[in-house]
Amino acid sequence: MSLTDLADRVQLSLSPCHRRVRALEQSGAIDGYRAQVNLNALGLTFESLVFVTMQDAQRSTLDAFEAAVEAVPNILQAQRLFGNPDYLLRVVAADLPAFQRLYDEQIAALPGVLKLSSTLVMKTVVDHRPAPL
């Protein structure tokens, strides 16, 4: 939304609205701006959730795993979990054969992995929801 539209929506003039937005950016409350990309339009129509169980919980193992995950562009989201499994990865690919190659060649080769389990995403119900303010 443009700054002018935001000012109208919160019923402020443009200058005070701009100052408040700048203050939110500087405080870290706003940490960036992003474009929402349509994965289907990019040919990434296959989505899977991959559950990762690690061999151990040593800091060096987790650091190596997390650094390697960051280097795989098809992993859109990675979350460390309490309990078992240790991580949840959101992975996209063009199709099942592309996912299988990615799984076999990159995901299974991530450092420290003991066990992988995956499930296919049938339908995304909620995505890109704004934070509840």
Protein backbone atom coordinates (compact mmCIF):
# COMPACT_ATOMS: atom_id res chain seq x y z
CA MET A 1 0.00 0.00 0.00
CA SER A 2 1.30 3.46 -0.75
CA LEU A 3 2.18 5.85 2.04
CA THR A 4 -0.64 8.14 0.91
CA ASP A 5 -3.16 5.28 1.14
CA LEU A 6 -1.81 4.31 4.56
CA ALA A 7 -2.11 7.90 5.82
CA ASP A 8 -5.72 8.02 4.62
CA ARG A 9 -6.50 4.68 6.22
CA VAL A 10 -5.11 5.63 9.65
CA GLN A 11 -6.43 9.18 9.35
CA LEU A 12 -3.10 11.01 9.54
CA SER A 13 -1.56 13.56 7.26
CA LEU A 14 1.28 12.34 5.07
CA SER A 15 4.22 13.77 7.08
CA PRO A 16 3.28 12.30 10.51
CA CYS A 17 2.41 9.00 8.85
CA HIS A 18 5.82 8.92 7.13
CA ARG A 19 7.58 9.68 10.44
CA ARG A 20 5.73 6.84 12.19
CA VAL A 21 6.53 4.37 9.42
CA ARG A 22 10.20 5.41 9.52
CA ALA A 23 10.21 4.96 13.33
CA LEU A 24 8.69 1.47 12.94
CA GLU A 25 11.38 0.58 10.39
CA GLN A 26 14.16 1.89 12.63
CA SER A 27 12.82 0.04 15.68
CA GLY A 28 12.72 -3.24 13.77
CA ALA A 29 8.93 -3.59 14.00
CA ILE A 30 8.95 -3.42 10.19
CA ASP A 31 11.82 -5.59 9.02
CA GLY A 32 11.40 -5.28 5.27
CA TYR A 33 9.14 -5.26 2.26
CA ARG A 34 8.56 -8.17 -0.09
CA ALA A 35 6.87 -9.00 -3.34
CA GLN A 36 4.49 -11.96 -3.23
CA VAL A 37 5.55 -14.26 -6.03
CA ASN A 38 3.08 -16.68 -7.61
CA LEU A 39 4.90 -20.04 -7.48
CA ASN A 40 2.58 -21.59 -10.08
CA ALA A 41 3.42 -18.81 -12.54
CA LEU A 42 7.10 -19.70 -12.06
CA GLY A 43 6.43 -23.37 -12.77
CA LEU A 44 6.90 -24.43 -9.14
CA THR A 45 3.65 -26.37 -8.83
CA PHE A 46 4.82 -29.17 -6.52
CA GLU A 47 5.06 -28.50 -2.78
CA SER A 48 6.12 -30.80 0.02
CA LEU A 49 6.71 -30.58 3.74
CA VAL A 50 9.84 -32.44 4.79
CA PHE A 51 10.36 -33.43 8.41
CA VAL A 52 14.00 -33.82 9.46
CA THR A 53 15.32 -35.75 12.43
CA MET A 54 18.93 -34.97 13.24
CA GLN A 55 21.64 -37.45 14.30
CA ASP A 56 22.49 -35.30 17.31
CA ALA A 57 21.84 -31.85 18.78
CA GLN A 58 25.42 -30.61 18.92
CA ARG A 59 25.68 -26.93 18.06
CA SER A 60 28.22 -27.58 15.29
CA THR A 61 25.90 -30.15 13.65
CA LEU A 62 22.90 -27.82 13.78
CA ASP A 63 24.93 -24.87 12.49
CA ALA A 64 26.24 -26.91 9.55
CA PHE A 65 22.73 -28.19 8.76
CA GLU A 66 21.16 -24.72 8.92
CA ALA A 67 23.89 -23.17 6.74
CA ALA A 68 23.42 -25.91 4.15
CA VAL A 69 19.63 -25.46 4.20
CA GLU A 70 20.04 -21.74 3.51
CA ALA A 71 22.00 -22.62 0.35
CA VAL A 72 19.15 -24.66 -1.20
CA PRO A 73 16.85 -22.20 -3.03
CA ASN A 74 13.94 -24.66 -3.29
CA ILE A 75 13.63 -24.72 0.50
CA LEU A 76 11.34 -21.74 1.00
CA GLN A 77 10.99 -22.08 4.74
CA ALA A 78 12.85 -23.97 7.44
CA GLN A 79 11.79 -24.11 11.06
CA ARG A 80 13.51 -25.73 14.03
CA LEU A 81 10.98 -27.51 16.20
CA PHE A 82 10.73 -28.59 19.82
CA GLY A 83 10.62 -32.37 20.18
CA ASN A 84 10.72 -34.77 17.30
CA PRO A 85 11.19 -34.15 14.38
CA ASP A 86 13.85 -31.48 14.73
CA TYR A 87 13.08 -29.41 11.62
CA LEU A 88 10.26 -28.74 9.19
CA LEU A 89 11.17 -27.71 5.64
CA ARG A 90 8.75 -26.25 3.08
CA VAL A 91 10.07 -27.33 -0.31
CA VAL A 92 8.89 -26.47 -3.83
CA ALA A 93 9.76 -28.00 -7.18
CA ALA A 94 8.43 -28.08 -10.71
CA ASP A 95 7.00 -31.59 -10.43
CA LEU A 96 7.44 -34.94 -8.70
CA PRO A 97 10.57 -35.99 -10.66
CA ALA A 98 12.21 -32.63 -9.90
CA PHE A 99 11.32 -33.01 -6.22
CA GLN A 100 12.71 -36.55 -6.16
CA ARG A 101 16.04 -35.32 -7.61
CA LEU A 102 16.14 -32.47 -5.10
CA TYR A 103 15.28 -34.85 -2.25
CA ASP A 104 17.86 -37.48 -3.24
CA GLU A 105 20.70 -35.16 -4.27
CA GLN A 106 20.41 -32.22 -1.88
CA ILE A 107 18.01 -32.73 1.03
CA ALA A 108 19.14 -36.26 1.93
CA ALA A 109 22.75 -35.06 1.71
CA LEU A 110 22.30 -32.24 4.25
CA PRO A 111 24.81 -32.56 7.09
CA GLY A 112 23.71 -34.30 10.28
CA VAL A 113 20.48 -35.79 8.94
CA LEU A 114 19.42 -39.08 10.51
CA LYS A 115 15.92 -39.45 9.06
CA LEU A 116 13.69 -37.69 6.53
CA SER A 117 9.93 -37.95 6.18
CA SER A 118 7.82 -35.98 3.74
CA THR A 119 4.22 -35.30 2.91
CA LEU A 120 2.68 -33.59 -0.09
CA VAL A 121 0.73 -30.36 0.17
CA MET A 122 -2.72 -30.88 -1.27
CA LYS A 123 -3.92 -27.29 -0.93
CA THR A 124 -2.75 -24.10 0.74
CA VAL A 125 -5.63 -22.65 2.72
CA VAL A 126 -3.93 -19.65 4.40
CA ASP A 127 -0.80 -18.01 3.05
CA HIS A 128 0.73 -14.55 3.32
CA ARG A 129 -1.58 -13.60 6.17
CA PRO A 130 -0.72 -10.31 7.86
CA ALA A 131 0.29 -10.41 11.51
CA PRO A 132 -2.61 -10.01 13.95
CA LEU A 133 -2.13 -6.46 15.13
